[in-house]
Protein backbone atom coordinates (compact mmCIF):
# COMPACT_ATOMS: atom_id res chain seq x y z
CA MET A 1 6.88 -15.91 -14.77
CA PRO A 2 4.71 -15.73 -11.67
CA LYS A 3 1.03 -15.15 -12.35
CA LEU A 4 0.01 -11.54 -11.77
CA ILE A 5 -3.04 -11.04 -9.59
CA ASP A 6 -5.49 -8.20 -10.11
CA HIS A 7 -5.98 -7.40 -6.43
CA ALA A 8 -8.89 -5.01 -7.02
CA ALA A 9 -10.74 -7.64 -9.06
CA ARG A 10 -9.92 -10.28 -6.43
CA GLU A 11 -11.39 -8.10 -3.68
CA VAL A 12 -14.61 -7.66 -5.66
CA GLU A 13 -14.73 -11.42 -6.25
CA VAL A 14 -14.32 -12.02 -2.53
CA ALA A 15 -16.96 -9.42 -1.65
CA GLU A 16 -19.46 -11.01 -4.03
CA ALA A 17 -18.76 -14.40 -2.46
CA ALA A 18 -19.36 -12.87 0.96
CA TRP A 19 -22.67 -11.40 -0.28
CA ARG A 20 -23.78 -14.86 -1.34
CA VAL A 21 -22.84 -16.34 2.02
CA ALA A 22 -24.60 -13.52 3.88
CA ALA A 23 -27.75 -13.86 1.78
CA ARG A 24 -27.79 -17.64 2.25
CA ASP A 25 -26.55 -18.06 5.84
CA GLY A 26 -26.93 -14.63 7.41
CA VAL A 27 -24.22 -12.24 8.56
CA ARG A 28 -23.10 -14.62 11.30
CA GLY A 29 -22.26 -17.14 8.61
CA VAL A 30 -19.77 -14.76 6.98
CA SER A 31 -16.26 -15.70 8.05
CA VAL A 32 -12.90 -15.74 6.35
CA ARG A 33 -13.16 -19.52 6.12
CA SER A 34 -16.72 -19.64 4.70
CA VAL A 35 -16.06 -16.87 2.19
CA ALA A 36 -12.78 -18.45 1.07
CA ALA A 37 -14.64 -21.70 0.41
CA GLU A 38 -17.41 -19.88 -1.48
CA ALA A 39 -14.85 -18.01 -3.62
CA GLY A 40 -12.69 -21.08 -4.20
CA LEU A 41 -9.66 -19.47 -2.57
CA ALA A 42 -7.17 -20.56 0.06
CA THR A 43 -8.01 -19.17 3.50
CA ALA A 44 -4.49 -17.77 3.86
CA SER A 45 -4.83 -15.91 0.56
CA LEU A 46 -8.07 -14.27 1.66
CA ARG A 47 -6.66 -13.33 5.06
CA ARG A 48 -3.92 -11.30 3.38
CA ALA A 49 -6.57 -8.99 1.91
CA PHE A 50 -9.04 -9.16 4.80
CA PRO A 51 -7.34 -10.12 8.06
CA THR A 52 -10.52 -9.87 10.14
CA GLN A 53 -14.21 -10.59 9.66
CA ALA A 54 -14.97 -6.92 10.35
CA SER A 55 -12.70 -5.74 7.55
CA LEU A 56 -14.34 -8.19 5.15
CA LEU A 57 -17.87 -7.12 6.11
CA ALA A 58 -16.99 -3.43 5.90
CA TYR A 59 -15.61 -3.88 2.40
CA CYS A 60 -18.73 -5.77 1.30
CA LEU A 61 -21.02 -3.03 2.54
CA ASP A 62 -18.90 -0.26 1.06
CA LEU A 63 -18.76 -2.00 -2.33
CA ALA A 64 -22.57 -2.23 -2.42
CA ARG A 65 -22.74 1.46 -1.52
CA ARG A 66 -20.27 2.48 -4.22
CA ARG A 67 -22.02 0.43 -6.88
CA ALA A 68 -25.37 2.06 -6.11
CA ALA A 69 -23.74 5.51 -6.17
CA ALA A 70 -22.13 4.74 -9.54
CA ARG A 71 -25.49 3.72 -11.03
CA LEU A 72 -27.05 6.97 -9.85
CA ALA A 73 -24.19 9.05 -11.23
CA ASP A 74 -24.72 7.51 -14.67
CA LEU A 75 -28.38 8.53 -14.88
CA ASP A 76 -29.77 11.67 -16.46
CA GLU A 77 -30.76 14.59 -14.26
CA VAL A 78 -34.25 14.65 -12.79
CA THR A 79 -36.64 16.77 -14.83
CA GLY A 80 -39.97 15.33 -13.68
CA VAL A 81 -41.73 12.45 -11.98
CA ASP A 82 -40.68 9.83 -14.56
CA SER A 83 -36.98 10.61 -14.33
CA ALA A 84 -37.19 10.92 -10.53
CA CYS A 85 -38.75 7.45 -10.38
CA THR A 86 -35.99 6.08 -12.62
CA VAL A 87 -33.32 7.49 -10.30
CA LEU A 88 -34.78 6.20 -7.06
CA ALA A 89 -35.77 2.82 -8.53
CA GLU A 90 -32.03 2.13 -8.78
CA LEU A 91 -32.06 1.94 -4.97
CA LEU A 92 -34.78 -0.73 -4.90
CA PRO A 93 -34.15 -4.50 -5.20
CA LEU A 94 -35.97 -4.93 -8.50
CA ASP A 95 -33.64 -7.53 -10.00
CA ALA A 96 -31.33 -10.27 -8.75
CA GLY A 97 -28.25 -8.06 -8.50
CA ARG A 98 -29.93 -5.23 -6.63
CA ARG A 99 -31.79 -7.71 -4.44
CA LEU A 100 -28.52 -9.24 -3.28
CA GLU A 101 -27.11 -5.77 -2.62
CA ALA A 102 -30.20 -4.88 -0.58
CA GLU A 103 -30.08 -8.11 1.42
CA VAL A 104 -26.45 -7.47 2.30
CA GLN A 105 -27.03 -3.81 3.14
CA ILE A 106 -29.98 -4.64 5.39
CA ALA A 107 -28.14 -7.47 7.15
CA LEU A 108 -24.93 -5.51 7.63
CA GLY A 109 -26.84 -2.37 8.59
CA VAL A 110 -28.40 -4.29 11.46
CA ALA A 111 -25.02 -5.75 12.42
CA ALA A 112 -23.53 -2.23 12.45
CA LEU A 113 -25.80 -1.29 15.35
CA ALA A 114 -23.61 -3.44 17.58
CA ASP A 115 -20.30 -3.23 15.68
CA ALA A 116 -18.36 0.04 15.79
CA ASP A 117 -16.15 -1.08 12.88
CA LEU A 118 -19.16 -1.34 10.57
CA ARG A 119 -20.96 1.80 11.73
CA PRO A 120 -19.06 4.36 9.54
CA VAL A 121 -19.74 2.39 6.35
CA ALA A 122 -23.38 1.81 7.28
CA ASP A 123 -23.77 5.52 8.06
CA ALA A 124 -22.24 6.43 4.68
CA ALA A 125 -24.69 4.13 2.87
CA HIS A 126 -27.60 5.68 4.77
CA GLU A 127 -26.41 9.18 3.91
CA ASP A 128 -26.08 8.30 0.20
CA VAL A 129 -29.77 7.41 0.12
CA ALA A 130 -30.62 10.61 1.98
CA LEU A 131 -28.68 12.64 -0.59
CA ALA A 132 -30.51 10.94 -3.45
CA CYS A 133 -33.84 11.68 -1.77
CA ARG A 134 -32.90 15.32 -1.17
CA TYR A 135 -31.80 15.66 -4.79
CA VAL A 136 -35.16 14.35 -6.03
CA VAL A 137 -37.22 16.42 -3.59
CA GLN A 138 -35.44 19.63 -4.54
CA ALA A 139 -35.69 18.83 -8.25
CA LEU A 140 -39.44 18.19 -8.03
CA THR A 141 -40.23 21.16 -5.80
CA GLY A 142 -38.18 23.80 -7.57
CA GLY A 143 -35.03 23.81 -5.45
CA ASP A 144 -31.41 23.46 -6.56
CA PRO A 145 -31.09 19.68 -6.97
CA GLY A 146 -27.29 19.35 -7.17
CA ARG A 147 -26.41 15.72 -7.97
CA PRO A 148 -27.76 12.53 -6.38
CA ALA A 149 -24.42 10.98 -5.42
CA GLY A 150 -20.76 11.86 -5.33
CA GLY A 151 -21.33 15.59 -5.65
CA ASP A 152 -22.94 18.63 -4.07
CA PRO A 153 -26.40 17.53 -2.91
CA GLY A 154 -27.69 21.10 -2.68
CA LYS A 155 -28.49 23.01 0.45
CA PRO A 156 -31.53 22.01 2.51
CA ALA A 157 -34.44 24.41 2.01
CA GLY A 158 -35.86 24.40 5.53
CA ASP A 159 -38.08 22.11 7.54
CA ALA A 160 -40.58 21.43 4.74
CA THR A 161 -37.89 20.07 2.45
CA GLU A 162 -36.30 18.04 5.21
CA ASP A 163 -39.68 16.53 6.15
CA ARG A 164 -40.24 15.54 2.53
CA VAL A 165 -36.76 14.04 2.32
CA ALA A 166 -37.34 12.04 5.51
CA HIS A 167 -40.70 10.77 4.26
CA LEU A 168 -39.25 9.73 0.90
CA HIS A 169 -36.25 8.06 2.54
CA ALA A 170 -38.54 6.10 4.86
CA LEU A 171 -40.69 5.04 1.91
CA LEU A 172 -37.65 3.75 0.00
CA ASP A 173 -36.37 1.83 3.03
CA GLY A 174 -39.80 0.31 3.60
CA LEU A 175 -40.23 -0.71 -0.02
CA ALA A 176 -36.77 -2.29 -0.08
CA LEU A 177 -37.51 -4.27 3.07
CA HIS A 178 -40.87 -5.50 1.74
CA LEU A 179 -39.29 -6.52 -1.57
CA VAL A 180 -36.52 -8.61 0.00
CA ARG A 181 -39.01 -10.32 2.29
CA ARG A 182 -40.95 -11.58 -0.73
CA PRO A 183 -39.84 -14.52 -2.90
CA PRO A 184 -37.20 -13.61 -5.51
CA ASP A 185 -39.63 -14.32 -8.34
CA ALA A 186 -42.49 -12.25 -6.87
CA PRO A 187 -43.72 -9.23 -8.87
CA THR A 188 -41.98 -5.94 -8.13
CA GLY A 189 -43.97 -3.51 -10.27
CA TRP A 190 -46.23 -2.62 -7.35
CA ALA A 191 -43.25 -1.05 -5.54
CA VAL A 192 -42.39 1.16 -8.51
CA GLN A 193 -46.04 2.23 -8.73
CA VAL A 194 -46.12 3.17 -5.03
CA LEU A 195 -42.95 5.19 -5.53
CA ARG A 196 -44.31 6.89 -8.65
CA GLU A 197 -47.55 7.85 -6.89
CA HIS A 198 -45.65 9.35 -3.97
CA LEU A 199 -43.40 11.34 -6.29
CA GLY A 200 -46.41 12.53 -8.28
CA ALA A 201 -48.09 13.79 -5.12
CA LEU A 202 -44.83 15.44 -4.07
CA ALA A 203 -44.47 17.25 -7.41
CA ALA A 204 -48.07 18.48 -7.19
CA ARG A 205 -47.52 19.88 -3.70
CA THR A 206 -44.74 22.35 -4.42
CA THR A 207 -46.13 25.20 -2.33
CA GLN A 208 -47.78 23.34 0.53
CA ASP A 209 -45.67 22.28 3.50
CA PRO A 210 -46.44 18.75 4.74
CA PRO A 211 -47.78 18.51 8.29
CA ARG A 212 -45.08 18.18 10.90
CA GLY A 213 -44.74 14.69 12.28
CA SER A 214 -46.98 13.09 9.63
């Protein structure tokens, strides 16, 4: 009997090989040929699943996005600063797996600026982080938090909430970038502490609007 192939598992295997190539050689090094070699597959076999480099890159970015969303969906609801920090720490590259995801997301996010085929997936990943930030902000400031990913994120509660969401989102992006720029074995606890301090200040400022533009 011919060997049955689990195509979904094969696509994940290929995407993970592409992540390794991107992390090692940059996005420009990701090609059907290089990824096939990394995954130990025939080039023709990989082309059947991903006929173009753009389709391969888009799948890699979307898989990273879906994995992060799944981790968030599995967490308990936010009830205070500690649980809020636990939720958002899932979006930081604090271990080898999340670091590779972050490296790929950053690299492909930059590539999406000049590639219309990648832009929708990059925009979806950006919006997922925004939804998680809005969920946490509303939970800590007394709004209706909804769910962090894959569900109703709750309605925005005006400019003050949106400013806080934007500030938190920018903080997460900055922390992620700083973490991936450091050696893989460098300490990461400082980033969690920065996040915790910001969330603590946010929770303590439930009735005071942040200054516009700060």
